[in-house]
């Protein structure tokens, strides 16, 4: 079994789509570990704030199989082709880590470069995988978060009601 980490985000009917996405992930993969939920400003475009978190689970599926399931869950939650990066999104599920697997394939980059570029990915990842080391940088996510430039970040941990 391989431990997989996903970045989850939404800025359209945020609570509804986050809850639905988590439910669908549990139905597909069973037990899931979740970080806290963070609210952050949209990055790269003007839009409503996002809710973001990281989910982790174990699987025997390949990265491509996991990614296909994530795409289906996104589409089931109203994600359309025009909801690309730097646009509002109902649900965004990104495979950010798949064990120590490394892939530079642009269609399935693992580990995702967003880990070290965006606080909304790194902070929740450091929360639930603090001592895990980045497979390329060989630094823990806790260390990467400590070293992260937090200037101008508008992000806060929120109390999310799951029911």
C-alpha atoms as a PDB file:
ATOM      1  CA  UNK A   1       0.000   0.000   0.000  1.00  0.00           C
ATOM      2  CA  UNK A   2       1.176   3.493  -0.835  1.00  0.00           C
ATOM      3  CA  UNK A   3       0.318   6.646   1.105  1.00  0.00           C
ATOM      4  CA  UNK A   4      -1.224   9.283  -1.117  1.00  0.00           C
ATOM      5  CA  UNK A   5      -1.675  12.989  -0.313  1.00  0.00           C
ATOM      6  CA  UNK A   6      -4.232  15.157  -2.094  1.00  0.00           C
ATOM      7  CA  UNK A   7      -4.761  18.881  -2.132  1.00  0.00           C
ATOM      8  CA  UNK A   8      -8.457  19.763  -1.956  1.00  0.00           C
ATOM      9  CA  UNK A   9      -9.864  23.197  -2.715  1.00  0.00           C
ATOM     10  CA  UNK A  10     -13.073  25.010  -3.581  1.00  0.00           C
ATOM     11  CA  UNK A  11     -14.269  28.583  -3.939  1.00  0.00           C
ATOM     12  CA  UNK A  12     -17.749  27.936  -5.389  1.00  0.00           C
ATOM     13  CA  UNK A  13     -20.285  26.726  -2.811  1.00  0.00           C
ATOM     14  CA  UNK A  14     -17.193  25.833  -0.824  1.00  0.00           C
ATOM     15  CA  UNK A  15     -18.624  23.931   2.137  1.00  0.00           C
ATOM     16  CA  UNK A  16     -20.981  21.874  -0.022  1.00  0.00           C
ATOM     17  CA  UNK A  17     -18.269  20.792  -2.459  1.00  0.00           C
ATOM     18  CA  UNK A  18     -15.629  20.112   0.204  1.00  0.00           C
ATOM     19  CA  UNK A  19     -18.082  17.862   2.099  1.00  0.00           C
ATOM     20  CA  UNK A  20     -19.173  16.072  -1.088  1.00  0.00           C
ATOM     21  CA  UNK A  21     -15.573  15.597  -2.216  1.00  0.00           C
ATOM     22  CA  UNK A  22     -14.523  14.102   1.138  1.00  0.00           C
ATOM     23  CA  UNK A  23     -17.544  11.778   1.140  1.00  0.00           C
ATOM     24  CA  UNK A  24     -16.694  10.577  -2.376  1.00  0.00           C
ATOM     25  CA  UNK A  25     -13.040  10.041  -1.413  1.00  0.00           C
ATOM     26  CA  UNK A  26     -14.099   7.947   1.603  1.00  0.00           C
ATOM     27  CA  UNK A  27     -16.391   5.872  -0.616  1.00  0.00           C
ATOM     28  CA  UNK A  28     -13.522   5.231  -3.040  1.00  0.00           C
ATOM     29  CA  UNK A  29     -10.568   4.833  -0.681  1.00  0.00           C
ATOM     30  CA  UNK A  30     -11.910   4.096   2.813  1.00  0.00           C
ATOM     31  CA  UNK A  31     -10.216   5.729   5.790  1.00  0.00           C
ATOM     32  CA  UNK A  32      -8.890   9.218   5.113  1.00  0.00           C
ATOM     33  CA  UNK A  33      -6.762  11.481   7.294  1.00  0.00           C
ATOM     34  CA  UNK A  34      -7.634  15.161   6.953  1.00  0.00           C
ATOM     35  CA  UNK A  35      -5.740  18.308   7.814  1.00  0.00           C
ATOM     36  CA  UNK A  36      -7.499  21.330   9.202  1.00  0.00           C
ATOM     37  CA  UNK A  37      -9.359  23.460   6.686  1.00  0.00           C
ATOM     38  CA  UNK A  38      -7.733  26.742   5.683  1.00  0.00           C
ATOM     39  CA  UNK A  39      -9.319  29.766   4.097  1.00  0.00           C
ATOM     40  CA  UNK A  40      -7.082  31.654   1.702  1.00  0.00           C
ATOM     41  CA  UNK A  41      -7.372  34.354  -0.880  1.00  0.00           C
ATOM     42  CA  UNK A  42      -7.563  33.290  -4.504  1.00  0.00           C
ATOM     43  CA  UNK A  43      -4.066  33.133  -6.019  1.00  0.00           C
ATOM     44  CA  UNK A  44      -3.425  34.262  -9.586  1.00  0.00           C
ATOM     45  CA  UNK A  45      -6.886  35.756 -10.177  1.00  0.00           C
ATOM     46  CA  UNK A  46      -9.569  37.879  -8.523  1.00  0.00           C
ATOM     47  CA  UNK A  47     -12.149  35.615  -6.955  1.00  0.00           C
ATOM     48  CA  UNK A  48     -13.850  34.500  -3.781  1.00  0.00           C
ATOM     49  CA  UNK A  49     -11.592  32.994  -1.096  1.00  0.00           C
ATOM     50  CA  UNK A  50     -10.858  29.287  -1.241  1.00  0.00           C
ATOM     51  CA  UNK A  51     -11.213  26.597   1.357  1.00  0.00           C
ATOM     52  CA  UNK A  52      -8.236  24.237   1.191  1.00  0.00           C
ATOM     53  CA  UNK A  53      -7.045  21.133   3.000  1.00  0.00           C
ATOM     54  CA  UNK A  54      -4.930  18.027   2.530  1.00  0.00           C
ATOM     55  CA  UNK A  55      -6.252  14.462   2.633  1.00  0.00           C
ATOM     56  CA  UNK A  56      -4.152  11.317   2.994  1.00  0.00           C
ATOM     57  CA  UNK A  57      -5.032   7.676   2.454  1.00  0.00           C
ATOM     58  CA  UNK A  58      -3.504   4.312   1.562  1.00  0.00           C
ATOM     59  CA  UNK A  59      -4.057   2.649  -1.808  1.00  0.00           C
ATOM     60  CA  UNK A  60      -2.834  -0.114  -4.086  1.00  0.00           C
ATOM     61  CA  UNK A  61      -3.938   1.823  -7.170  1.00  0.00           C
ATOM     62  CA  UNK A  62      -1.418   3.427  -9.519  1.00  0.00           C
ATOM     63  CA  UNK A  63      -1.009   7.221  -9.623  1.00  0.00           C
ATOM     64  CA  UNK A  64      -2.849   7.288 -12.966  1.00  0.00           C
ATOM     65  CA  UNK A  65      -5.754   5.281 -11.553  1.00  0.00           C
ATOM     66  CA  UNK A  66      -5.989   7.589  -8.523  1.00  0.00           C
ATOM     67  CA  UNK A  67      -5.873  10.666 -10.777  1.00  0.00           C
ATOM     68  CA  UNK A  68      -8.687   9.267 -12.958  1.00  0.00           C
ATOM     69  CA  UNK A  69     -10.868   8.771  -9.860  1.00  0.00           C
ATOM     70  CA  UNK A  70     -10.100  12.331  -8.731  1.00  0.00           C
ATOM     71  CA  UNK A  71     -11.129  13.693 -12.138  1.00  0.00           C
ATOM     72  CA  UNK A  72     -14.425  11.793 -11.907  1.00  0.00           C
ATOM     73  CA  UNK A  73     -15.132  13.132  -8.407  1.00  0.00           C
ATOM     74  CA  UNK A  74     -14.410  16.683  -9.631  1.00  0.00           C
ATOM     75  CA  UNK A  75     -16.793  16.260 -12.585  1.00  0.00           C
ATOM     76  CA  UNK A  76     -19.460  14.722 -10.320  1.00  0.00           C
ATOM     77  CA  UNK A  77     -19.223  17.941  -8.294  1.00  0.00           C
ATOM     78  CA  UNK A  78     -19.773  20.271 -11.218  1.00  0.00           C
ATOM     79  CA  UNK A  79     -16.183  20.827 -12.309  1.00  0.00           C
ATOM     80  CA  UNK A  80     -16.092  21.755 -15.978  1.00  0.00           C
ATOM     81  CA  UNK A  81     -13.279  22.169 -18.501  1.00  0.00           C
ATOM     82  CA  UNK A  82     -13.443  25.951 -18.152  1.00  0.00           C
ATOM     83  CA  UNK A  83     -12.639  25.680 -14.419  1.00  0.00           C
ATOM     84  CA  UNK A  84      -8.902  25.611 -14.973  1.00  0.00           C
ATOM     85  CA  UNK A  85      -6.045  26.856 -12.838  1.00  0.00           C
ATOM     86  CA  UNK A  86      -6.374  30.507 -11.830  1.00  0.00           C
ATOM     87  CA  UNK A  87     -10.178  30.393 -12.173  1.00  0.00           C
ATOM     88  CA  UNK A  88     -13.027  29.786  -9.720  1.00  0.00           C
ATOM     89  CA  UNK A  89     -13.623  26.073  -9.080  1.00  0.00           C
ATOM     90  CA  UNK A  90     -16.352  23.952  -7.516  1.00  0.00           C
ATOM     91  CA  UNK A  91     -13.878  21.272  -6.467  1.00  0.00           C
ATOM     92  CA  UNK A  92     -10.177  20.880  -7.147  1.00  0.00           C
ATOM     93  CA  UNK A  93      -8.520  17.558  -6.227  1.00  0.00           C
ATOM     94  CA  UNK A  94      -4.802  17.366  -6.958  1.00  0.00           C
ATOM     95  CA  UNK A  95      -2.591  14.361  -6.311  1.00  0.00           C
ATOM     96  CA  UNK A  96       0.420  16.031  -4.676  1.00  0.00           C
ATOM     97  CA  UNK A  97       2.316  13.014  -3.296  1.00  0.00           C
ATOM     98  CA  UNK A  98       2.259   9.299  -4.043  1.00  0.00           C
ATOM     99  CA  UNK A  99       4.707   7.715  -1.606  1.00  0.00           C
ATOM    100  CA  UNK A 100       8.239   8.493  -2.783  1.00  0.00           C
ATOM    101  CA  UNK A 101       7.206   8.300  -6.438  1.00  0.00           C
ATOM    102  CA  UNK A 102       8.621  11.001  -8.730  1.00  0.00           C
ATOM    103  CA  UNK A 103       7.140  11.884 -12.108  1.00  0.00           C
ATOM    104  CA  UNK A 104       7.943  14.905 -14.264  1.00  0.00           C
ATOM    105  CA  UNK A 105       5.104  14.104 -16.676  1.00  0.00           C
ATOM    106  CA  UNK A 106       3.265  17.454 -17.089  1.00  0.00           C
ATOM    107  CA  UNK A 107      -0.094  15.621 -16.991  1.00  0.00           C
ATOM    108  CA  UNK A 108       0.735  13.975 -13.653  1.00  0.00           C
ATOM    109  CA  UNK A 109       3.576  15.821 -11.933  1.00  0.00           C
ATOM    110  CA  UNK A 110       4.491  14.130  -8.620  1.00  0.00           C
ATOM    111  CA  UNK A 111       5.445  15.606  -6.261  1.00  0.00           C
ATOM    112  CA  UNK A 112       3.472  18.650  -7.340  1.00  0.00           C
ATOM    113  CA  UNK A 113       5.519  21.841  -7.520  1.00  0.00           C
ATOM    114  CA  UNK A 114       2.610  23.611  -5.763  1.00  0.00           C
ATOM    115  CA  UNK A 115       3.808  22.038  -2.500  1.00  0.00           C
ATOM    116  CA  UNK A 116       6.697  24.469  -2.226  1.00  0.00           C
ATOM    117  CA  UNK A 117       5.016  27.386  -4.043  1.00  0.00           C
ATOM    118  CA  UNK A 118       1.711  27.804  -2.238  1.00  0.00           C
ATOM    119  CA  UNK A 119       1.000  28.129   1.472  1.00  0.00           C
ATOM    120  CA  UNK A 120      -2.478  26.655   0.969  1.00  0.00           C
ATOM    121  CA  UNK A 121      -0.813  23.343   0.011  1.00  0.00           C
ATOM    122  CA  UNK A 122       2.280  23.375   2.217  1.00  0.00           C
ATOM    123  CA  UNK A 123       0.786  24.456   5.557  1.00  0.00           C
ATOM    124  CA  UNK A 124      -1.900  21.722   5.731  1.00  0.00           C
ATOM    125  CA  UNK A 125       0.600  19.167   4.402  1.00  0.00           C
ATOM    126  CA  UNK A 126       3.080  20.130   7.116  1.00  0.00           C
ATOM    127  CA  UNK A 127       0.258  19.775   9.630  1.00  0.00           C
ATOM    128  CA  UNK A 128      -0.459  16.100   8.866  1.00  0.00           C
ATOM    129  CA  UNK A 129       2.909  14.979   7.438  1.00  0.00           C
ATOM    130  CA  UNK A 130       5.359  17.154   9.395  1.00  0.00           C
ATOM    131  CA  UNK A 131       8.239  14.682   9.495  1.00  0.00           C
ATOM    132  CA  UNK A 132       7.723  13.175   6.045  1.00  0.00           C
ATOM    133  CA  UNK A 133      10.464  14.241   3.635  1.00  0.00           C
ATOM    134  CA  UNK A 134       9.929  15.711   0.200  1.00  0.00           C
ATOM    135  CA  UNK A 135      11.147  13.010  -2.237  1.00  0.00           C
ATOM    136  CA  UNK A 136      13.294  15.458  -4.238  1.00  0.00           C
ATOM    137  CA  UNK A 137      14.329  18.116  -1.714  1.00  0.00           C
ATOM    138  CA  UNK A 138      14.906  15.653   1.175  1.00  0.00           C
ATOM    139  CA  UNK A 139      13.567  18.206   3.660  1.00  0.00           C
ATOM    140  CA  UNK A 140      10.630  17.570   5.960  1.00  0.00           C
ATOM    141  CA  UNK A 141       7.399  19.370   5.238  1.00  0.00           C
ATOM    142  CA  UNK A 142       7.686  20.931   8.695  1.00  0.00           C
ATOM    143  CA  UNK A 143      11.083  22.383   7.711  1.00  0.00           C
ATOM    144  CA  UNK A 144       9.805  23.516   4.318  1.00  0.00           C
ATOM    145  CA  UNK A 145       6.910  25.320   6.052  1.00  0.00           C
ATOM    146  CA  UNK A 146       9.242  26.928   8.602  1.00  0.00           C
ATOM    147  CA  UNK A 147      11.440  28.190   5.745  1.00  0.00           C
ATOM    148  CA  UNK A 148       8.497  29.320   3.589  1.00  0.00           C
ATOM    149  CA  UNK A 149       8.265  33.070   2.899  1.00  0.00           C
ATOM    150  CA  UNK A 150       5.012  33.986   4.611  1.00  0.00           C
ATOM    151  CA  UNK A 151       5.109  37.628   3.518  1.00  0.00           C
ATOM    152  CA  UNK A 152       1.770  38.741   2.054  1.00  0.00           C
ATOM    153  CA  UNK A 153       0.033  35.404   2.700  1.00  0.00           C
ATOM    154  CA  UNK A 154      -3.628  35.803   3.535  1.00  0.00           C
ATOM    155  CA  UNK A 155      -4.547  32.419   4.985  1.00  0.00           C
ATOM    156  CA  UNK A 156      -6.086  31.192   8.218  1.00  0.00           C
ATOM    157  CA  UNK A 157      -7.128  27.905   9.780  1.00  0.00           C
ATOM    158  CA  UNK A 158     -10.893  27.802  10.250  1.00  0.00           C
ATOM    159  CA  UNK A 159     -13.349  25.692  12.198  1.00  0.00           C
ATOM    160  CA  UNK A 160     -15.093  23.655   9.516  1.00  0.00           C
ATOM    161  CA  UNK A 161     -18.460  22.055  10.316  1.00  0.00           C
ATOM    162  CA  UNK A 162     -18.494  18.599   8.736  1.00  0.00           C
ATOM    163  CA  UNK A 163     -22.193  17.908   9.288  1.00  0.00           C
END
